[in-house]
Full PDB file with SEQRES, HELIX, SHEET, SSBOND, CRYST1, ORIGX, SCALE, CONECT and MASTER records, all heavy atoms in Angstrom:
SEQRES   1 A   40  SER ALA THR LYS HIS ALA ALA SER MET ARG LEU TYR TYR          
SEQRES   2 A   40  ARG GLU VAL LEU ARG ASN ASP LEU LYS TRP PHE ARG PHE          
SEQRES   3 A   40  ALA PRO ILE ASN PHE LEU ARG SER ALA ALA ASN TYR CYS          
SEQRES   4 A   40  ARG                                                          
HELIX    1 AA1 ALA A    6  ASN A   19  1                                  14    
HELIX    2 AA2 LEU A   21  TRP A   23  5                                   3    
HELIX    3 AA3 PRO A   28  CYS A   39  1                                  12    
CRYST1    1.000    1.000    1.000  90.00  90.00  90.00 P 1           1          
ORIGX1      1.000000  0.000000  0.000000        0.00000                         
ORIGX2      0.000000  1.000000  0.000000        0.00000                         
ORIGX3      0.000000  0.000000  1.000000        0.00000                         
SCALE1      1.000000  0.000000  0.000000        0.00000                         
SCALE2      0.000000  1.000000  0.000000        0.00000                         
SCALE3      0.000000  0.000000  1.000000        0.00000                         
ATOM      1  N   SER A   1      65.964 101.076 112.120  1.00  0.00           N  
ATOM      2  CA  SER A   1      67.417 101.320 112.412  1.00  0.00           C  
ATOM      3  C   SER A   1      68.297 101.038 111.244  1.00  0.00           C  
ATOM      4  O   SER A   1      69.377 101.619 111.117  1.00  0.00           O  
ATOM      5  CB  SER A   1      67.791 100.496 113.656  1.00  0.00           C  
ATOM      6  OG  SER A   1      67.685  99.152 113.355  1.00  0.00           O  
ATOM      7  N   ALA A   2      67.890 100.135 110.349  1.00  0.00           N  
ATOM      8  CA  ALA A   2      68.751  99.732 109.234  1.00  0.00           C  
ATOM      9  C   ALA A   2      69.062 100.941 108.273  1.00  0.00           C  
ATOM     10  O   ALA A   2      70.196 101.255 108.012  1.00  0.00           O  
ATOM     11  CB  ALA A   2      68.128  98.535 108.454  1.00  0.00           C  
ATOM     12  N   THR A   3      68.013 101.575 107.795  1.00  0.00           N  
ATOM     13  CA  THR A   3      68.234 102.732 106.959  1.00  0.00           C  
ATOM     14  C   THR A   3      68.902 103.925 107.617  1.00  0.00           C  
ATOM     15  O   THR A   3      69.663 104.623 107.034  1.00  0.00           O  
ATOM     16  CB  THR A   3      66.886 103.135 106.345  1.00  0.00           C  
ATOM     17  OG1 THR A   3      65.946 103.389 107.353  1.00  0.00           O  
ATOM     18  CG2 THR A   3      66.329 102.099 105.395  1.00  0.00           C  
ATOM     19  N   LYS A   4      68.595 104.052 108.886  1.00  0.00           N  
ATOM     20  CA  LYS A   4      69.164 105.172 109.650  1.00  0.00           C  
ATOM     21  C   LYS A   4      70.687 105.052 109.664  1.00  0.00           C  
ATOM     22  O   LYS A   4      71.423 106.051 109.715  1.00  0.00           O  
ATOM     23  CB  LYS A   4      68.630 105.143 111.072  1.00  0.00           C  
ATOM     24  CG  LYS A   4      69.163 106.298 111.988  1.00  0.00           C  
ATOM     25  CD  LYS A   4      68.465 106.207 113.335  1.00  0.00           C  
ATOM     26  CE  LYS A   4      68.982 107.313 114.269  1.00  0.00           C  
ATOM     27  NZ  LYS A   4      68.427 107.176 115.642  1.00  0.00           N  
ATOM     28  N   HIS A   5      71.183 103.780 109.741  1.00  0.00           N  
ATOM     29  CA  HIS A   5      72.576 103.512 109.866  1.00  0.00           C  
ATOM     30  C   HIS A   5      73.152 102.959 108.633  1.00  0.00           C  
ATOM     31  O   HIS A   5      74.114 102.093 108.668  1.00  0.00           O  
ATOM     32  CB  HIS A   5      72.864 102.632 111.063  1.00  0.00           C  
ATOM     33  CG  HIS A   5      72.349 103.153 112.353  1.00  0.00           C  
ATOM     34  ND1 HIS A   5      72.645 104.427 112.840  1.00  0.00           N  
ATOM     35  CD2 HIS A   5      71.503 102.641 113.279  1.00  0.00           C  
ATOM     36  CE1 HIS A   5      71.997 104.670 113.981  1.00  0.00           C  
ATOM     37  NE2 HIS A   5      71.309 103.579 114.275  1.00  0.00           N  
ATOM     38  N   ALA A   6      72.649 103.292 107.475  1.00  0.00           N  
ATOM     39  CA  ALA A   6      73.024 102.689 106.140  1.00  0.00           C  
ATOM     40  C   ALA A   6      74.524 102.788 105.868  1.00  0.00           C  
ATOM     41  O   ALA A   6      75.150 101.866 105.387  1.00  0.00           O  
ATOM     42  CB  ALA A   6      72.170 103.234 105.025  1.00  0.00           C  
ATOM     43  N   ALA A   7      75.107 103.981 106.145  1.00  0.00           N  
ATOM     44  CA  ALA A   7      76.498 104.209 105.832  1.00  0.00           C  
ATOM     45  C   ALA A   7      77.429 103.202 106.617  1.00  0.00           C  
ATOM     46  O   ALA A   7      78.280 102.631 106.004  1.00  0.00           O  
ATOM     47  CB  ALA A   7      76.894 105.645 106.138  1.00  0.00           C  
ATOM     48  N   SER A   8      77.130 103.050 107.878  1.00  0.00           N  
ATOM     49  CA  SER A   8      77.919 102.182 108.714  1.00  0.00           C  
ATOM     50  C   SER A   8      77.723 100.698 108.305  1.00  0.00           C  
ATOM     51  O   SER A   8      78.680  99.910 108.215  1.00  0.00           O  
ATOM     52  CB  SER A   8      77.527 102.322 110.190  1.00  0.00           C  
ATOM     53  OG  SER A   8      78.166 101.333 110.989  1.00  0.00           O  
ATOM     54  N   MET A   9      76.454 100.312 108.018  1.00  0.00           N  
ATOM     55  CA  MET A   9      76.198  98.978 107.658  1.00  0.00           C  
ATOM     56  C   MET A   9      76.825  98.575 106.305  1.00  0.00           C  
ATOM     57  O   MET A   9      77.235  97.416 106.124  1.00  0.00           O  
ATOM     58  CB  MET A   9      74.660  98.711 107.651  1.00  0.00           C  
ATOM     59  CG  MET A   9      73.964  98.953 109.021  1.00  0.00           C  
ATOM     60  SD  MET A   9      74.821  98.021 110.354  1.00  0.00           S  
ATOM     61  CE  MET A   9      74.479  96.313 109.903  1.00  0.00           C  
ATOM     62  N   ARG A  10      76.816  99.531 105.382  1.00  0.00           N  
ATOM     63  CA  ARG A  10      77.518  99.274 104.111  1.00  0.00           C  
ATOM     64  C   ARG A  10      78.972  98.903 104.331  1.00  0.00           C  
ATOM     65  O   ARG A  10      79.446  97.998 103.743  1.00  0.00           O  
ATOM     66  CB  ARG A  10      77.355 100.509 103.158  1.00  0.00           C  
ATOM     67  CG  ARG A  10      77.957 100.286 101.815  1.00  0.00           C  
ATOM     68  CD  ARG A  10      78.009 101.601 101.011  1.00  0.00           C  
ATOM     69  NE  ARG A  10      79.033 102.435 101.450  1.00  0.00           N  
ATOM     70  CZ  ARG A  10      80.286 102.384 101.054  1.00  0.00           C  
ATOM     71  NH1 ARG A  10      80.652 101.435 100.203  1.00  0.00           N  
ATOM     72  NH2 ARG A  10      81.239 103.185 101.482  1.00  0.00           N  
ATOM     73  N   LEU A  11      79.649  99.690 105.157  1.00  0.00           N  
ATOM     74  CA  LEU A  11      81.050  99.408 105.393  1.00  0.00           C  
ATOM     75  C   LEU A  11      81.245  98.083 106.130  1.00  0.00           C  
ATOM     76  O   LEU A  11      82.227  97.349 105.801  1.00  0.00           O  
ATOM     77  CB  LEU A  11      81.640 100.585 106.340  1.00  0.00           C  
ATOM     78  CG  LEU A  11      81.712 101.942 105.657  1.00  0.00           C  
ATOM     79  CD1 LEU A  11      82.176 102.925 106.703  1.00  0.00           C  
ATOM     80  CD2 LEU A  11      82.600 101.966 104.414  1.00  0.00           C  
ATOM     81  N   TYR A  12      80.366  97.753 106.989  1.00  0.00           N  
ATOM     82  CA  TYR A  12      80.450  96.475 107.703  1.00  0.00           C  
ATOM     83  C   TYR A  12      80.355  95.365 106.708  1.00  0.00           C  
ATOM     84  O   TYR A  12      81.226  94.412 106.709  1.00  0.00           O  
ATOM     85  CB  TYR A  12      79.362  96.391 108.759  1.00  0.00           C  
ATOM     86  CG  TYR A  12      79.232  94.963 109.337  1.00  0.00           C  
ATOM     87  CD1 TYR A  12      80.201  94.366 110.053  1.00  0.00           C  
ATOM     88  CD2 TYR A  12      78.063  94.264 108.994  1.00  0.00           C  
ATOM     89  CE1 TYR A  12      80.059  93.092 110.559  1.00  0.00           C  
ATOM     90  CE2 TYR A  12      77.914  92.965 109.491  1.00  0.00           C  
ATOM     91  CZ  TYR A  12      78.915  92.384 110.267  1.00  0.00           C  
ATOM     92  OH  TYR A  12      78.786  91.067 110.744  1.00  0.00           O  
ATOM     93  N   TYR A  13      79.328  95.291 105.851  1.00  0.00           N  
ATOM     94  CA  TYR A  13      79.084  94.207 104.939  1.00  0.00           C  
ATOM     95  C   TYR A  13      80.200  94.168 103.867  1.00  0.00           C  
ATOM     96  O   TYR A  13      80.596  93.061 103.355  1.00  0.00           O  
ATOM     97  CB  TYR A  13      77.757  94.290 104.299  1.00  0.00           C  
ATOM     98  CG  TYR A  13      76.624  93.836 105.252  1.00  0.00           C  
ATOM     99  CD1 TYR A  13      75.686  94.788 105.701  1.00  0.00           C  
ATOM    100  CD2 TYR A  13      76.560  92.551 105.726  1.00  0.00           C  
ATOM    101  CE1 TYR A  13      74.709  94.363 106.589  1.00  0.00           C  
ATOM    102  CE2 TYR A  13      75.625  92.198 106.663  1.00  0.00           C  
ATOM    103  CZ  TYR A  13      74.634  93.080 107.096  1.00  0.00           C  
ATOM    104  OH  TYR A  13      73.716  92.689 107.942  1.00  0.00           O  
ATOM    105  N   ARG A  14      80.745  95.337 103.534  1.00  0.00           N  
ATOM    106  CA  ARG A  14      81.893  95.320 102.641  1.00  0.00           C  
ATOM    107  C   ARG A  14      83.062  94.547 103.240  1.00  0.00           C  
ATOM    108  O   ARG A  14      83.741  93.781 102.521  1.00  0.00           O  
ATOM    109  CB  ARG A  14      82.283  96.744 102.282  1.00  0.00           C  
ATOM    110  CG  ARG A  14      83.400  96.809 101.219  1.00  0.00           C  
ATOM    111  CD  ARG A  14      83.862  98.230 101.023  1.00  0.00           C  
ATOM    112  NE  ARG A  14      84.617  98.760 102.183  1.00  0.00           N  
ATOM    113  CZ  ARG A  14      85.099  99.988 102.314  1.00  0.00           C  
ATOM    114  NH1 ARG A  14      84.860 100.853 101.308  1.00  0.00           N  
ATOM    115  NH2 ARG A  14      85.773 100.373 103.348  1.00  0.00           N  
ATOM    116  N   GLU A  15      83.362  94.795 104.504  1.00  0.00           N  
ATOM    117  CA  GLU A  15      84.476  94.103 105.156  1.00  0.00           C  
ATOM    118  C   GLU A  15      84.158  92.584 105.257  1.00  0.00           C  
ATOM    119  O   GLU A  15      85.129  91.808 105.218  1.00  0.00           O  
ATOM    120  CB  GLU A  15      84.657  94.681 106.535  1.00  0.00           C  
ATOM    121  CG  GLU A  15      85.237  96.150 106.504  1.00  0.00           C  
ATOM    122  CD  GLU A  15      86.445  96.281 105.584  1.00  0.00           C  
ATOM    123  OE1 GLU A  15      87.429  95.594 105.872  1.00  0.00           O  
ATOM    124  OE2 GLU A  15      86.358  97.056 104.635  1.00  0.00           O  
ATOM    125  N   VAL A  16      82.923  92.216 105.481  1.00  0.00           N  
ATOM    126  CA  VAL A  16      82.596  90.831 105.538  1.00  0.00           C  
ATOM    127  C   VAL A  16      82.926  90.139 104.187  1.00  0.00           C  
ATOM    128  O   VAL A  16      83.589  89.032 104.165  1.00  0.00           O  
ATOM    129  CB  VAL A  16      81.122  90.577 105.829  1.00  0.00           C  
ATOM    130  CG1 VAL A  16      80.671  89.127 105.656  1.00  0.00           C  
ATOM    131  CG2 VAL A  16      80.799  90.976 107.270  1.00  0.00           C  
ATOM    132  N   LEU A  17      82.554  90.799 103.094  1.00  0.00           N  
ATOM    133  CA  LEU A  17      82.853  90.193 101.773  1.00  0.00           C  
ATOM    134  C   LEU A  17      84.317  90.262 101.415  1.00  0.00           C  
ATOM    135  O   LEU A  17      84.798  89.322 100.757  1.00  0.00           O  
ATOM    136  CB  LEU A  17      82.008  90.954 100.764  1.00  0.00           C  
ATOM    137  CG  LEU A  17      80.502  90.879 100.860  1.00  0.00           C  
ATOM    138  CD1 LEU A  17      79.753  91.698  99.893  1.00  0.00           C  
ATOM    139  CD2 LEU A  17      79.994  89.388 100.736  1.00  0.00           C  
ATOM    140  N   ARG A  18      84.999  91.225 101.892  1.00  0.00           N  
ATOM    141  CA  ARG A  18      86.436  91.316 101.550  1.00  0.00           C  
ATOM    142  C   ARG A  18      87.275  90.303 102.349  1.00  0.00           C  
ATOM    143  O   ARG A  18      88.241  89.793 101.800  1.00  0.00           O  
ATOM    144  CB  ARG A  18      86.897  92.730 101.946  1.00  0.00           C  
ATOM    145  CG  ARG A  18      86.644  93.809 100.931  1.00  0.00           C  
ATOM    146  CD  ARG A  18      87.168  95.144 101.425  1.00  0.00           C  
ATOM    147  NE  ARG A  18      87.194  96.164 100.478  1.00  0.00           N  
ATOM    148  CZ  ARG A  18      87.713  97.407 100.669  1.00  0.00           C  
ATOM    149  NH1 ARG A  18      88.140  97.719 101.921  1.00  0.00           N  
ATOM    150  NH2 ARG A  18      87.671  98.293  99.709  1.00  0.00           N  
ATOM    151  N   ASN A  19      86.881  90.005 103.606  1.00  0.00           N  
ATOM    152  CA  ASN A  19      87.795  89.300 104.450  1.00  0.00           C  
ATOM    153  C   ASN A  19      87.355  87.936 104.967  1.00  0.00           C  
ATOM    154  O   ASN A  19      88.130  87.141 105.468  1.00  0.00           O  
ATOM    155  CB  ASN A  19      88.076  90.175 105.685  1.00  0.00           C  
ATOM    156  CG  ASN A  19      88.760  91.463 105.368  1.00  0.00           C  
ATOM    157  OD1 ASN A  19      89.851  91.438 104.752  1.00  0.00           O  
ATOM    158  ND2 ASN A  19      88.202  92.565 105.690  1.00  0.00           N  
ATOM    159  N   ASP A  20      86.018  87.627 104.862  1.00  0.00           N  
ATOM    160  CA  ASP A  20      85.506  86.420 105.492  1.00  0.00           C  
ATOM    161  C   ASP A  20      85.073  85.261 104.571  1.00  0.00           C  
ATOM    162  O   ASP A  20      84.575  84.288 105.016  1.00  0.00           O  
ATOM    163  CB  ASP A  20      84.301  86.779 106.411  1.00  0.00           C  
ATOM    164  CG  ASP A  20      84.718  87.685 107.579  1.00  0.00           C  
ATOM    165  OD1 ASP A  20      85.873  87.835 107.840  1.00  0.00           O  
ATOM    166  OD2 ASP A  20      83.768  88.212 108.158  1.00  0.00           O  
ATOM    167  N   LEU A  21      85.325  85.452 103.246  1.00  0.00           N  
ATOM    168  CA  LEU A  21      84.809  84.459 102.335  1.00  0.00           C  
ATOM    169  C   LEU A  21      85.448  83.036 102.457  1.00  0.00           C  
ATOM    170  O   LEU A  21      84.916  82.116 101.897  1.00  0.00           O  
ATOM    171  CB  LEU A  21      84.938  84.943 100.865  1.00  0.00           C  
ATOM    172  CG  LEU A  21      83.947  86.017 100.498  1.00  0.00           C  
ATOM    173  CD1 LEU A  21      84.166  86.461  99.043  1.00  0.00           C  
ATOM    174  CD2 LEU A  21      82.507  85.560 100.643  1.00  0.00           C  
ATOM    175  N   LYS A  22      86.519  82.905 103.214  1.00  0.00           N  
ATOM    176  CA  LYS A  22      87.073  81.598 103.434  1.00  0.00           C  
ATOM    177  C   LYS A  22      86.088  80.694 104.209  1.00  0.00           C  
ATOM    178  O   LYS A  22      86.253  79.482 104.261  1.00  0.00           O  
ATOM    179  CB  LYS A  22      88.455  81.754 104.216  1.00  0.00           C  
ATOM    180  CG  LYS A  22      88.269  82.313 105.581  1.00  0.00           C  
ATOM    181  CD  LYS A  22      89.652  82.312 106.296  1.00  0.00           C  
ATOM    182  CE  LYS A  22      89.484  82.855 107.687  1.00  0.00           C  
ATOM    183  NZ  LYS A  22      90.879  82.889 108.395  1.00  0.00           N  
ATOM    184  N   TRP A  23      85.102  81.364 104.887  1.00  0.00           N  
ATOM    185  CA  TRP A  23      84.123  80.618 105.631  1.00  0.00           C  
ATOM    186  C   TRP A  23      82.811  80.338 104.841  1.00  0.00           C  
ATOM    187  O   TRP A  23      81.857  79.774 105.280  1.00  0.00           O  
ATOM    188  CB  TRP A  23      83.743  81.409 106.875  1.00  0.00           C  
ATOM    189  CG  TRP A  23      84.813  81.655 107.796  1.00  0.00           C  
ATOM    190  CD1 TRP A  23      85.528  82.792 107.973  1.00  0.00           C  
ATOM    191  CD2 TRP A  23      85.407  80.722 108.752  1.00  0.00           C  
ATOM    192  NE1 TRP A  23      86.566  82.655 108.909  1.00  0.00           N  
ATOM    193  CE2 TRP A  23      86.422  81.380 109.425  1.00  0.00           C  
ATOM    194  CE3 TRP A  23      85.128  79.428 109.100  1.00  0.00           C  
ATOM    195  CZ2 TRP A  23      87.222  80.776 110.406  1.00  0.00           C  
ATOM    196  CZ3 TRP A  23      85.839  78.793 110.092  1.00  0.00           C  
ATOM    197  CH2 TRP A  23      86.919  79.478 110.718  1.00  0.00           C  
ATOM    198  N   PHE A  24      82.891  80.636 103.520  1.00  0.00           N  
ATOM    199  CA  PHE A  24      81.700  80.552 102.714  1.00  0.00           C  
ATOM    200  C   PHE A  24      81.025  79.170 102.679  1.00  0.00           C  
ATOM    201  O   PHE A  24      79.813  79.034 102.773  1.00  0.00           O  
ATOM    202  CB  PHE A  24      81.977  80.927 101.236  1.00  0.00           C  
ATOM    203  CG  PHE A  24      80.809  80.843 100.304  1.00  0.00           C  
ATOM    204  CD1 PHE A  24      79.932  81.875 100.218  1.00  0.00           C  
ATOM    205  CD2 PHE A  24      80.615  79.754  99.552  1.00  0.00           C  
ATOM    206  CE1 PHE A  24      78.810  81.806  99.353  1.00  0.00           C  
ATOM    207  CE2 PHE A  24      79.537  79.646  98.660  1.00  0.00           C  
ATOM    208  CZ  PHE A  24      78.644  80.671  98.585  1.00  0.00           C  
ATOM    209  N   ARG A  25      81.858  78.118 102.672  1.00  0.00           N  
ATOM    210  CA  ARG A  25      81.319  76.753 102.619  1.00  0.00           C  
ATOM    211  C   ARG A  25      80.539  76.398 103.919  1.00  0.00           C  
ATOM    212  O   ARG A  25      79.695  75.473 103.780  1.00  0.00           O  
ATOM    213  CB  ARG A  25      82.442  75.712 102.365  1.00  0.00           C  
ATOM    214  CG  ARG A  25      83.454  75.661 103.493  1.00  0.00           C  
ATOM    215  CD  ARG A  25      84.638  74.803 103.036  1.00  0.00           C  
ATOM    216  NE  ARG A  25      85.681  74.718 104.062  1.00  0.00           N  
ATOM    217  CZ  ARG A  25      85.806  73.691 104.880  1.00  0.00           C  
ATOM    218  NH1 ARG A  25      84.949  72.701 104.861  1.00  0.00           N  
ATOM    219  NH2 ARG A  25      86.801  73.681 105.774  1.00  0.00           N  
ATOM    220  N   PHE A  26      80.778  77.062 104.975  1.00  0.00           N  
ATOM    221  CA  PHE A  26      80.108  76.744 106.197  1.00  0.00           C  
ATOM    222  C   PHE A  26      78.726  77.445 106.271  1.00  0.00           C  
ATOM    223  O   PHE A  26      77.818  76.981 106.955  1.00  0.00           O  
ATOM    224  CB  PHE A  26      80.939  77.141 107.425  1.00  0.00           C  
ATOM    225  CG  PHE A  26      82.154  76.310 107.601  1.00  0.00           C  
ATOM    226  CD1 PHE A  26      83.390  76.854 107.271  1.00  0.00           C  
ATOM    227  CD2 PHE A  26      82.097  74.983 108.087  1.00  0.00           C  
ATOM    228  CE1 PHE A  26      84.533  76.076 107.397  1.00  0.00           C  
ATOM    229  CE2 PHE A  26      83.240  74.325 108.264  1.00  0.00           C  
ATOM    230  CZ  PHE A  26      84.456  74.782 107.921  1.00  0.00           C  
ATOM    231  N   ALA A  27      78.595  78.640 105.599  1.00  0.00           N  
ATOM    232  CA  ALA A  27      77.391  79.424 105.754  1.00  0.00           C  
ATOM    233  C   ALA A  27      77.164  80.197 104.472  1.00  0.00           C  
ATOM    234  O   ALA A  27      77.121  81.477 104.472  1.00  0.00           O  
ATOM    235  CB  ALA A  27      77.537  80.369 106.932  1.00  0.00           C  
ATOM    236  N   PRO A  28      76.837  79.515 103.360  1.00  0.00           N  
ATOM    237  CA  PRO A  28      76.655  80.218 102.073  1.00  0.00           C  
ATOM    238  C   PRO A  28      75.476  81.190 102.105  1.00  0.00           C  
ATOM    239  O   PRO A  28      75.562  82.310 101.538  1.00  0.00           O  
ATOM    240  CB  PRO A  28      76.440  79.112 101.025  1.00  0.00           C  
ATOM    241  CG  PRO A  28      76.019  77.888 101.881  1.00  0.00           C  
ATOM    242  CD  PRO A  28      76.782  78.052 103.152  1.00  0.00           C  
ATOM    243  N   ILE A  29      74.407  80.840 102.810  1.00  0.00           N  
ATOM    244  CA  ILE A  29      73.234  81.727 102.826  1.00  0.00           C  
ATOM    245  C   ILE A  29      73.581  83.002 103.566  1.00  0.00           C  
ATOM    246  O   ILE A  29      73.168  84.096 103.150  1.00  0.00           O  
ATOM    247  CB  ILE A  29      72.022  80.972 103.489  1.00  0.00           C  
ATOM    248  CG1 ILE A  29      71.693  79.754 102.705  1.00  0.00           C  
ATOM    249  CG2 ILE A  29      70.892  81.974 103.577  1.00  0.00           C  
ATOM    250  CD1 ILE A  29      71.350  79.979 101.237  1.00  0.00           C  
ATOM    251  N   ASN A  30      74.362  82.914 104.627  1.00  0.00           N  
ATOM    252  CA  ASN A  30      74.752  84.146 105.355  1.00  0.00           C  
ATOM    253  C   ASN A  30      75.541  85.067 104.451  1.00  0.00           C  
ATOM    254  O   ASN A  30      75.368  86.316 104.508  1.00  0.00           O  
ATOM    255  CB  ASN A  30      75.661  83.745 106.544  1.00  0.00           C  
ATOM    256  CG  ASN A  30      74.897  83.118 107.684  1.00  0.00           C  
ATOM    257  OD1 ASN A  30      74.186  82.111 107.422  1.00  0.00           O  
ATOM    258  ND2 ASN A  30      75.010  83.599 108.876  1.00  0.00           N  
ATOM    259  N   PHE A  31      76.409  84.546 103.639  1.00  0.00           N  
ATOM    260  CA  PHE A  31      77.197  85.405 102.779  1.00  0.00           C  
ATOM    261  C   PHE A  31      76.367  85.996 101.602  1.00  0.00           C  
ATOM    262  O   PHE A  31      76.601  87.126 101.208  1.00  0.00           O  
ATOM    263  CB  PHE A  31      78.391  84.653 102.240  1.00  0.00           C  
ATOM    264  CG  PHE A  31      79.496  84.522 103.260  1.00  0.00           C  
ATOM    265  CD1 PHE A  31      79.637  83.362 103.932  1.00  0.00           C  
ATOM    266  CD2 PHE A  31      80.340  85.603 103.580  1.00  0.00           C  
ATOM    267  CE1 PHE A  31      80.635  83.230 104.904  1.00  0.00           C  
ATOM    268  CE2 PHE A  31      81.278  85.533 104.554  1.00  0.00           C  
ATOM    269  CZ  PHE A  31      81.474  84.290 105.201  1.00  0.00           C  
ATOM    270  N   LEU A  32      75.361  85.249 101.148  1.00  0.00           N  
ATOM    271  CA  LEU A  32      74.495  85.785 100.130  1.00  0.00           C  
ATOM    272  C   LEU A  32      73.725  86.937 100.737  1.00  0.00           C  
ATOM    273  O   LEU A  32      73.480  88.015 100.072  1.00  0.00           O  
ATOM    274  CB  LEU A  32      73.537  84.717  99.625  1.00  0.00           C  
ATOM    275  CG  LEU A  32      74.121  83.732  98.587  1.00  0.00           C  
ATOM    276  CD1 LEU A  32      73.237  82.533  98.359  1.00  0.00           C  
ATOM    277  CD2 LEU A  32      74.373  84.499  97.240  1.00  0.00           C  
ATOM    278  N   ARG A  33      73.242  86.831 101.968  1.00  0.00           N  
ATOM    279  CA  ARG A  33      72.579  87.934 102.652  1.00  0.00           C  
ATOM    280  C   ARG A  33      73.477  89.122 102.811  1.00  0.00           C  
ATOM    281  O   ARG A  33      73.077  90.310 102.666  1.00  0.00           O  
ATOM    282  CB  ARG A  33      72.038  87.486 104.006  1.00  0.00           C  
ATOM    283  CG  ARG A  33      70.877  86.488 103.892  1.00  0.00           C  
ATOM    284  CD  ARG A  33      70.395  86.128 105.319  1.00  0.00           C  
ATOM    285  NE  ARG A  33      69.334  85.156 105.286  1.00  0.00           N  
ATOM    286  CZ  ARG A  33      69.218  84.094 106.143  1.00  0.00           C  
ATOM    287  NH1 ARG A  33      70.176  83.903 107.031  1.00  0.00           N  
ATOM    288  NH2 ARG A  33      68.248  83.247 106.065  1.00  0.00           N  
ATOM    289  N   SER A  34      74.713  88.813 103.198  1.00  0.00           N  
ATOM    290  CA  SER A  34      75.700  89.977 103.363  1.00  0.00           C  
ATOM    291  C   SER A  34      75.878  90.672 102.026  1.00  0.00           C  
ATOM    292  O   SER A  34      75.980  91.913 102.008  1.00  0.00           O  
ATOM    293  CB  SER A  34      77.034  89.375 103.851  1.00  0.00           C  
ATOM    294  OG  SER A  34      76.913  88.854 105.176  1.00  0.00           O  
ATOM    295  N   ALA A  35      76.008  89.918 100.980  1.00  0.00           N  
ATOM    296  CA  ALA A  35      76.152  90.538  99.619  1.00  0.00           C  
ATOM    297  C   ALA A  35      74.927  91.406  99.281  1.00  0.00           C  
ATOM    298  O   ALA A  35      75.062  92.497  98.752  1.00  0.00           O  
ATOM    299  CB  ALA A  35      76.419  89.506  98.556  1.00  0.00           C  
ATOM    300  N   ALA A  36      73.699  90.851  99.545  1.00  0.00           N  
ATOM    301  CA  ALA A  36      72.522  91.589  99.233  1.00  0.00           C  
ATOM    302  C   ALA A  36      72.479  92.859 100.098  1.00  0.00           C  
ATOM    303  O   ALA A  36      72.073  93.967  99.612  1.00  0.00           O  
ATOM    304  CB  ALA A  36      71.302  90.714  99.463  1.00  0.00           C  
ATOM    305  N   ASN A  37      72.843  92.768 101.373  1.00  0.00           N  
ATOM    306  CA  ASN A  37      72.830  93.949 102.245  1.00  0.00           C  
ATOM    307  C   ASN A  37      73.870  95.017 101.813  1.00  0.00           C  
ATOM    308  O   ASN A  37      73.657  96.195 102.002  1.00  0.00           O  
ATOM    309  CB  ASN A  37      72.990  93.553 103.677  1.00  0.00           C  
ATOM    310  CG  ASN A  37      71.650  93.084 104.305  1.00  0.00           C  
ATOM    311  OD1 ASN A  37      70.666  93.699 104.120  1.00  0.00           O  
ATOM    312  ND2 ASN A  37      71.687  91.950 104.991  1.00  0.00           N  
ATOM    313  N   TYR A  38      75.058  94.536 101.387  1.00  0.00           N  
ATOM    314  CA  TYR A  38      76.050  95.468 100.922  1.00  0.00           C  
ATOM    315  C   TYR A  38      75.492  96.295  99.737  1.00  0.00           C  
ATOM    316  O   TYR A  38      75.607  97.473  99.717  1.00  0.00           O  
ATOM    317  CB  TYR A  38      77.289  94.696 100.498  1.00  0.00           C  
ATOM    318  CG  TYR A  38      78.280  95.582  99.720  1.00  0.00           C  
ATOM    319  CD1 TYR A  38      79.027  96.577 100.352  1.00  0.00           C  
ATOM    320  CD2 TYR A  38      78.467  95.394  98.353  1.00  0.00           C  
ATOM    321  CE1 TYR A  38      79.920  97.350  99.660  1.00  0.00           C  
ATOM    322  CE2 TYR A  38      79.335  96.216  97.658  1.00  0.00           C  
ATOM    323  CZ  TYR A  38      80.059  97.171  98.282  1.00  0.00           C  
ATOM    324  OH  TYR A  38      80.936  98.014  97.583  1.00  0.00           O  
ATOM    325  N   CYS A  39      74.856  95.616  98.798  1.00  0.00           N  
ATOM    326  CA  CYS A  39      74.175  96.244  97.667  1.00  0.00           C  
ATOM    327  C   CYS A  39      73.112  97.170  98.170  1.00  0.00           C  
ATOM    328  O   CYS A  39      72.983  98.411  97.774  1.00  0.00           O  
ATOM    329  CB  CYS A  39      73.616  95.212  96.740  1.00  0.00           C  
ATOM    330  SG  CYS A  39      72.611  95.879  95.450  1.00  0.00           S  
ATOM    331  N   ARG A  40      72.245  96.720  99.049  1.00  0.00           N  
ATOM    332  CA  ARG A  40      71.125  97.520  99.525  1.00  0.00           C  
ATOM    333  C   ARG A  40      71.566  98.792 100.201  1.00  0.00           C  
ATOM    334  O   ARG A  40      71.123  99.867  99.856  1.00  0.00           O  
ATOM    335  CB  ARG A  40      70.423  96.644 100.617  1.00  0.00           C  
ATOM    336  CG  ARG A  40      69.397  97.376 101.480  1.00  0.00           C  
ATOM    337  CD  ARG A  40      69.084  96.511 102.716  1.00  0.00           C  
ATOM    338  NE  ARG A  40      68.047  97.105 103.540  1.00  0.00           N  
ATOM    339  CZ  ARG A  40      67.596  96.547 104.654  1.00  0.00           C  
ATOM    340  NH1 ARG A  40      68.105  95.405 105.045  1.00  0.00           N  
ATOM    341  NH2 ARG A  40      66.668  97.140 105.349  1.00  0.00           N  
TER     342      ARG A  40                                                      
MASTER        0    0    0    3    0    0    0    6  341    1    0    4          
END                                                                             
């Protein structure tokens, strides 16, 4: 399902990185995964 919906998931992870980084100190690994998935 991930590759099938790549366009939508890219937009989602872009919004996470644009708007949610104030929470980085609480969940750094989550944000690293989000960055990797945005790239992917």
